[in-house]
Structures are given as C-alpha cells and as structure tokens.
Amino acid sequence: MQQLGGLDQNVQNHFHMVMPIDQVTLLLDVTGATAEELERGLAAALAVFDRAGATPYEAAVARFKRDGEIEELTDPEAQIADLWDIADEAAIRACCSGWPAIPSNAQIMLPRT
C-alpha cells in the first residue's frame, strides 16, 4: 500500500469535516466527499437543530440514552433523540446529493473526547 505523508492511501481517501458548535464539535464523515459537499451536509444538519431549538449535543445525549436503554426517556427527550436521526439523514442527503450511492458509513457524530 502506498504511503502518503505518513498515512496510507486508504486513510487519505477518507474525509470528514469538523464544525464547532457552541463549544461542541459536530463531525460529518462521508468517504469521498469534497469539502464543499461536507459543508453543505453540515449546514443541513445544523438547520434541523436550529429549527427545533436544540443543540447537537442535547440530541446526541438523548439518542445515546434512548439507544442504550439505560433509563426511560421523557417525551421531550424522545423527540430530541429522533432529531439526531433527522439531522443525520438531512446531512447525508445534502452532502451526497446526486451521488449514485451513499457510503454505508456516512454519518454525523460528536468527536470522542
């Protein structure tokens, strides 16, 4: 495998974009996307959060709580958890508009700390 700048070529062909949001960073990870496509996708995700009056962090926490089934969700938490899924879909559709296929690993996410 060809080495490019210390990273193998497969790693360099895998792109993501980071956007800071009120002390929280939102990532969009779509293999093969250009910077412009990633920006378009992040803008779509942020528009979903803005319209709902929630932050990506709030939605991610509610989603993790829902998916982990650690404790029962309140109705507002359930709606916010669903908001993460809606924003994820909006980001991927906007980023990959016109693509013949969407990479199966395409997603928005919060970075691991």
N, C-alpha and C. Protein backbone atom coordinates (compact mmCIF):
# COMPACT_ATOMS: atom_id res chain seq x y z
N MET A 1 0.85 -1.17 0.00
CA MET A 1 0.00 0.00 0.00
C MET A 1 0.89 1.24 0.00
N GLN A 2 0.56 2.20 -0.84
CA GLN A 2 1.37 3.40 -0.96
C GLN A 2 1.22 4.29 0.27
N GLN A 3 2.35 4.76 0.78
CA GLN A 3 2.34 5.67 1.93
C GLN A 3 2.37 7.10 1.44
N LEU A 4 1.49 7.94 1.97
CA LEU A 4 1.43 9.35 1.62
C LEU A 4 1.49 10.17 2.90
N GLY A 5 2.56 10.87 3.12
CA GLY A 5 2.66 11.72 4.29
C GLY A 5 2.46 11.00 5.61
N GLY A 6 2.87 9.75 5.68
CA GLY A 6 2.74 9.00 6.93
C GLY A 6 1.40 8.29 7.08
N LEU A 7 0.46 8.53 6.17
CA LEU A 7 -0.83 7.86 6.22
C LEU A 7 -0.97 6.99 4.98
N ASP A 8 -1.61 5.86 5.12
CA ASP A 8 -1.79 5.05 3.92
C ASP A 8 -2.86 5.69 3.03
N GLN A 9 -2.86 5.32 1.78
CA GLN A 9 -3.72 5.95 0.80
C GLN A 9 -5.20 5.78 1.16
N ASN A 10 -5.58 4.65 1.71
CA ASN A 10 -6.98 4.46 2.10
C ASN A 10 -7.42 5.46 3.15
N VAL A 11 -6.56 5.78 4.08
CA VAL A 11 -6.89 6.77 5.10
C VAL A 11 -7.03 8.14 4.47
N GLN A 12 -6.14 8.49 3.55
CA GLN A 12 -6.22 9.80 2.94
C GLN A 12 -7.44 9.96 2.04
N ASN A 13 -8.00 8.88 1.53
CA ASN A 13 -9.20 8.95 0.71
C ASN A 13 -10.47 9.03 1.54
N HIS A 14 -10.35 8.98 2.84
CA HIS A 14 -11.49 9.01 3.76
C HIS A 14 -11.51 10.40 4.39
N PHE A 15 -12.52 11.20 4.06
CA PHE A 15 -12.55 12.59 4.51
C PHE A 15 -13.68 12.82 5.49
N HIS A 16 -13.48 13.76 6.38
CA HIS A 16 -14.57 14.25 7.22
C HIS A 16 -14.35 15.73 7.47
N MET A 17 -15.39 16.42 7.86
CA MET A 17 -15.31 17.83 8.15
C MET A 17 -15.78 18.06 9.57
N VAL A 18 -15.17 19.02 10.23
CA VAL A 18 -15.47 19.35 11.61
C VAL A 18 -16.00 20.76 11.66
N MET A 19 -17.08 20.97 12.40
CA MET A 19 -17.63 22.30 12.57
C MET A 19 -17.90 22.54 14.06
N PRO A 20 -17.28 23.58 14.66
CA PRO A 20 -17.54 23.84 16.07
C PRO A 20 -18.94 24.44 16.26
N ILE A 21 -19.64 23.97 17.29
CA ILE A 21 -20.98 24.44 17.57
C ILE A 21 -21.07 24.70 19.06
N ASP A 22 -21.00 25.97 19.46
CA ASP A 22 -21.15 26.32 20.87
C ASP A 22 -20.38 25.39 21.80
N GLN A 23 -19.10 25.32 21.63
CA GLN A 23 -18.22 24.50 22.46
C GLN A 23 -18.29 23.00 22.15
N VAL A 24 -19.15 22.59 21.25
CA VAL A 24 -19.26 21.19 20.85
C VAL A 24 -18.94 21.11 19.37
N THR A 25 -18.20 20.13 18.98
CA THR A 25 -17.84 19.95 17.58
C THR A 25 -18.74 18.89 16.96
N LEU A 26 -19.29 19.21 15.80
CA LEU A 26 -20.09 18.26 15.05
C LEU A 26 -19.25 17.79 13.88
N LEU A 27 -19.20 16.50 13.68
CA LEU A 27 -18.45 15.91 12.58
C LEU A 27 -19.41 15.33 11.55
N LEU A 28 -19.02 15.43 10.29
CA LEU A 28 -19.71 14.72 9.22
C LEU A 28 -18.66 13.87 8.54
N ASP A 29 -18.86 12.59 8.54
CA ASP A 29 -17.89 11.64 7.99
C ASP A 29 -18.53 10.95 6.79
N VAL A 30 -18.05 11.29 5.59
CA VAL A 30 -18.56 10.70 4.36
C VAL A 30 -17.36 10.40 3.46
N THR A 31 -17.09 9.15 3.24
CA THR A 31 -15.97 8.74 2.41
C THR A 31 -16.13 9.31 1.00
N GLY A 32 -15.09 9.99 0.52
CA GLY A 32 -15.06 10.51 -0.84
C GLY A 32 -15.71 11.86 -1.05
N ALA A 33 -16.27 12.46 -0.02
CA ALA A 33 -16.92 13.76 -0.16
C ALA A 33 -15.90 14.87 -0.25
N THR A 34 -16.24 15.91 -1.00
CA THR A 34 -15.39 17.10 -1.08
C THR A 34 -15.69 18.01 0.11
N ALA A 35 -14.84 18.98 0.32
CA ALA A 35 -15.06 19.95 1.40
C ALA A 35 -16.39 20.67 1.19
N GLU A 36 -16.70 21.02 -0.04
CA GLU A 36 -17.95 21.72 -0.33
C GLU A 36 -19.16 20.84 -0.01
N GLU A 37 -19.09 19.58 -0.36
CA GLU A 37 -20.19 18.66 -0.07
C GLU A 37 -20.36 18.48 1.44
N LEU A 38 -19.26 18.37 2.15
CA LEU A 38 -19.33 18.23 3.61
C LEU A 38 -19.91 19.48 4.25
N GLU A 39 -19.51 20.65 3.78
CA GLU A 39 -20.06 21.91 4.30
C GLU A 39 -21.56 21.96 4.08
N ARG A 40 -22.01 21.56 2.89
CA ARG A 40 -23.43 21.55 2.58
C ARG A 40 -24.17 20.59 3.52
N GLY A 41 -23.58 19.44 3.78
CA GLY A 41 -24.20 18.48 4.69
C GLY A 41 -24.28 18.98 6.12
N LEU A 42 -23.20 19.57 6.61
CA LEU A 42 -23.22 20.12 7.97
C LEU A 42 -24.22 21.24 8.10
N ALA A 43 -24.32 22.09 7.08
CA ALA A 43 -25.30 23.18 7.11
C ALA A 43 -26.72 22.63 7.20
N ALA A 44 -27.00 21.55 6.48
CA ALA A 44 -28.32 20.93 6.53
C ALA A 44 -28.61 20.38 7.92
N ALA A 45 -27.63 19.72 8.53
CA ALA A 45 -27.82 19.18 9.89
C ALA A 45 -28.06 20.31 10.89
N LEU A 46 -27.27 21.36 10.79
CA LEU A 46 -27.42 22.48 11.72
C LEU A 46 -28.77 23.16 11.56
N ALA A 47 -29.27 23.22 10.34
CA ALA A 47 -30.58 23.83 10.11
C ALA A 47 -31.67 23.03 10.83
N VAL A 48 -31.54 21.71 10.85
CA VAL A 48 -32.50 20.86 11.56
C VAL A 48 -32.47 21.18 13.06
N PHE A 49 -31.28 21.24 13.62
CA PHE A 49 -31.15 21.56 15.05
C PHE A 49 -31.66 22.96 15.36
N ASP A 50 -31.33 23.93 14.51
CA ASP A 50 -31.76 25.31 14.73
C ASP A 50 -33.28 25.42 14.71
N ARG A 51 -33.92 24.80 13.71
CA ARG A 51 -35.39 24.86 13.61
C ARG A 51 -36.06 24.28 14.85
N ALA A 52 -35.45 23.26 15.43
CA ALA A 52 -36.03 22.60 16.60
C ALA A 52 -35.65 23.29 17.91
N GLY A 53 -34.69 24.19 17.86
CA GLY A 53 -34.25 24.87 19.08
C GLY A 53 -33.45 23.97 20.01
N ALA A 54 -32.75 23.01 19.43
CA ALA A 54 -31.93 22.08 20.23
C ALA A 54 -30.50 22.10 19.70
N THR A 55 -29.58 21.70 20.54
CA THR A 55 -28.19 21.63 20.11
C THR A 55 -27.86 20.19 19.69
N PRO A 56 -26.84 20.03 18.87
CA PRO A 56 -26.41 18.67 18.53
C PRO A 56 -26.07 17.85 19.78
N TYR A 57 -25.46 18.48 20.76
CA TYR A 57 -25.09 17.77 21.98
C TYR A 57 -26.33 17.23 22.69
N GLU A 58 -27.36 18.08 22.85
CA GLU A 58 -28.59 17.64 23.50
C GLU A 58 -29.21 16.44 22.77
N ALA A 59 -29.23 16.54 21.45
CA ALA A 59 -29.82 15.46 20.65
C ALA A 59 -29.00 14.18 20.76
N ALA A 60 -27.68 14.31 20.74
CA ALA A 60 -26.82 13.13 20.84
C ALA A 60 -26.97 12.46 22.20
N VAL A 61 -27.03 13.23 23.26
CA VAL A 61 -27.19 12.66 24.61
C VAL A 61 -28.52 11.92 24.71
N ALA A 62 -29.58 12.53 24.19
CA ALA A 62 -30.90 11.87 24.24
C ALA A 62 -30.89 10.59 23.40
N ARG A 63 -30.24 10.64 22.25
CA ARG A 63 -30.17 9.45 21.38
C ARG A 63 -29.38 8.32 22.08
N PHE A 64 -28.24 8.68 22.68
CA PHE A 64 -27.45 7.66 23.38
C PHE A 64 -28.24 7.07 24.54
N LYS A 65 -28.99 7.91 25.22
CA LYS A 65 -29.82 7.44 26.32
C LYS A 65 -30.90 6.48 25.78
N ARG A 66 -31.51 6.87 24.66
CA ARG A 66 -32.54 6.02 24.06
C ARG A 66 -31.96 4.69 23.59
N ASP A 67 -30.86 4.75 22.87
CA ASP A 67 -30.27 3.54 22.29
C ASP A 67 -29.65 2.64 23.35
N GLY A 68 -29.16 3.24 24.41
CA GLY A 68 -28.55 2.46 25.49
C GLY A 68 -29.55 1.88 26.46
N GLU A 69 -30.78 2.38 26.38
CA GLU A 69 -31.85 1.92 27.25
C GLU A 69 -31.43 1.89 28.72
N ILE A 70 -30.65 2.89 29.11
CA ILE A 70 -30.17 2.98 30.49
C ILE A 70 -31.31 3.40 31.42
N GLU A 71 -32.07 4.35 30.96
CA GLU A 71 -33.21 4.81 31.73
C GLU A 71 -34.30 5.24 30.77
N GLU A 72 -35.50 5.35 31.28
CA GLU A 72 -36.64 5.68 30.42
C GLU A 72 -36.57 7.14 29.99
N LEU A 73 -36.90 7.37 28.73
CA LEU A 73 -36.90 8.72 28.18
C LEU A 73 -38.22 9.42 28.47
N THR A 74 -38.14 10.71 28.71
CA THR A 74 -39.35 11.52 28.75
C THR A 74 -39.78 11.79 27.31
N ASP A 75 -41.00 12.27 27.11
CA ASP A 75 -41.46 12.57 25.75
C ASP A 75 -40.57 13.61 25.07
N PRO A 76 -40.20 14.71 25.76
CA PRO A 76 -39.30 15.67 25.10
C PRO A 76 -37.94 15.07 24.73
N GLU A 77 -37.41 14.20 25.59
CA GLU A 77 -36.14 13.54 25.27
C GLU A 77 -36.28 12.64 24.06
N ALA A 78 -37.40 11.95 23.96
CA ALA A 78 -37.62 11.07 22.81
C ALA A 78 -37.67 11.87 21.52
N GLN A 79 -38.31 13.02 21.55
CA GLN A 79 -38.37 13.88 20.37
C GLN A 79 -36.99 14.40 20.00
N ILE A 80 -36.20 14.77 21.00
CA ILE A 80 -34.85 15.27 20.73
C ILE A 80 -33.97 14.13 20.21
N ALA A 81 -34.15 12.93 20.73
CA ALA A 81 -33.37 11.79 20.23
C ALA A 81 -33.69 11.54 18.77
N ASP A 82 -34.95 11.64 18.40
CA ASP A 82 -35.33 11.48 17.00
C ASP A 82 -34.74 12.59 16.14
N LEU A 83 -34.56 13.76 16.72
CA LEU A 83 -33.99 14.89 15.99
C LEU A 83 -32.58 14.57 15.48
N TRP A 84 -31.80 13.84 16.26
CA TRP A 84 -30.46 13.44 15.82
C TRP A 84 -30.55 12.64 14.52
N ASP A 85 -31.48 11.71 14.48
CA ASP A 85 -31.64 10.87 13.29
C ASP A 85 -32.09 11.70 12.08
N ILE A 86 -32.96 12.66 12.32
CA ILE A 86 -33.45 13.53 11.24
C ILE A 86 -32.30 14.39 10.71
N ALA A 87 -31.49 14.94 11.61
CA ALA A 87 -30.35 15.77 11.20
C ALA A 87 -29.31 14.93 10.46
N ASP A 88 -29.09 13.72 10.90
CA ASP A 88 -28.15 12.82 10.24
C ASP A 88 -28.60 12.56 8.80
N GLU A 89 -29.86 12.25 8.63
CA GLU A 89 -30.38 12.00 7.28
C GLU A 89 -30.29 13.24 6.40
N ALA A 90 -30.61 14.41 6.97
CA ALA A 90 -30.53 15.66 6.20
C ALA A 90 -29.10 15.94 5.77
N ALA A 91 -28.15 15.72 6.65
CA ALA A 91 -26.75 15.95 6.33
C ALA A 91 -26.27 15.04 5.21
N ILE A 92 -26.61 13.78 5.31
CA ILE A 92 -26.15 12.81 4.32
C ILE A 92 -26.80 13.08 2.96
N ARG A 93 -28.09 13.38 2.97
CA ARG A 93 -28.77 13.68 1.69
C ARG A 93 -28.18 14.92 1.04
N ALA A 94 -27.93 15.96 1.82
CA ALA A 94 -27.38 17.19 1.26
C ALA A 94 -25.96 16.98 0.76
N CYS A 95 -25.16 16.27 1.52
CA CYS A 95 -23.77 16.02 1.14
C CYS A 95 -23.69 15.15 -0.11
N CYS A 96 -24.49 14.13 -0.17
CA CYS A 96 -24.38 13.12 -1.22
C CYS A 96 -25.39 13.33 -2.36
N SER A 97 -25.97 14.51 -2.43
CA SER A 97 -26.95 14.79 -3.48
C SER A 97 -26.34 14.53 -4.86
N GLY A 98 -27.04 13.73 -5.64
CA GLY A 98 -26.58 13.40 -6.98
C GLY A 98 -25.62 12.23 -7.06
N TRP A 99 -25.23 11.67 -5.96
CA TRP A 99 -24.33 10.52 -5.96
C TRP A 99 -25.11 9.27 -6.38
N PRO A 100 -24.46 8.35 -7.07
CA PRO A 100 -25.16 7.12 -7.43
C PRO A 100 -25.42 6.21 -6.23
N ALA A 101 -24.60 6.31 -5.20
CA ALA A 101 -24.77 5.51 -3.98
C ALA A 101 -24.18 6.28 -2.80
N ILE A 102 -24.76 6.10 -1.65
CA ILE A 102 -24.29 6.75 -0.43
C ILE A 102 -23.45 5.75 0.34
N PRO A 103 -22.24 6.13 0.77
CA PRO A 103 -21.41 5.22 1.56
C PRO A 103 -22.16 4.75 2.82
N SER A 104 -22.06 3.49 3.11
CA SER A 104 -22.81 2.92 4.24
C SER A 104 -22.36 3.46 5.58
N ASN A 105 -21.15 4.00 5.65
CA ASN A 105 -20.65 4.52 6.93
C ASN A 105 -20.86 6.02 7.08
N ALA A 106 -21.58 6.67 6.17
CA ALA A 106 -21.81 8.11 6.24
C ALA A 106 -22.63 8.43 7.48
N GLN A 107 -22.17 9.46 8.25
CA GLN A 107 -22.87 9.82 9.48
C GLN A 107 -22.37 11.13 10.05
N ILE A 108 -23.25 11.76 10.83
CA ILE A 108 -22.80 12.86 11.69
C ILE A 108 -22.47 12.23 13.03
N MET A 109 -21.59 12.90 13.75
CA MET A 109 -21.21 12.37 15.06
C MET A 109 -20.54 13.46 15.88
N LEU A 110 -20.50 13.22 17.16
CA LEU A 110 -19.73 14.05 18.06
C LEU A 110 -18.37 13.38 18.21
N PRO A 111 -17.31 14.17 18.31
CA PRO A 111 -16.00 13.54 18.46
C PRO A 111 -15.86 12.88 19.83
N ARG A 112 -15.05 11.87 19.86
CA ARG A 112 -14.73 11.22 21.15
C ARG A 112 -13.72 12.09 21.88
N THR A 113 -13.94 12.22 23.16
CA THR A 113 -13.01 13.02 23.94
C THR A 113 -12.19 12.16 24.84
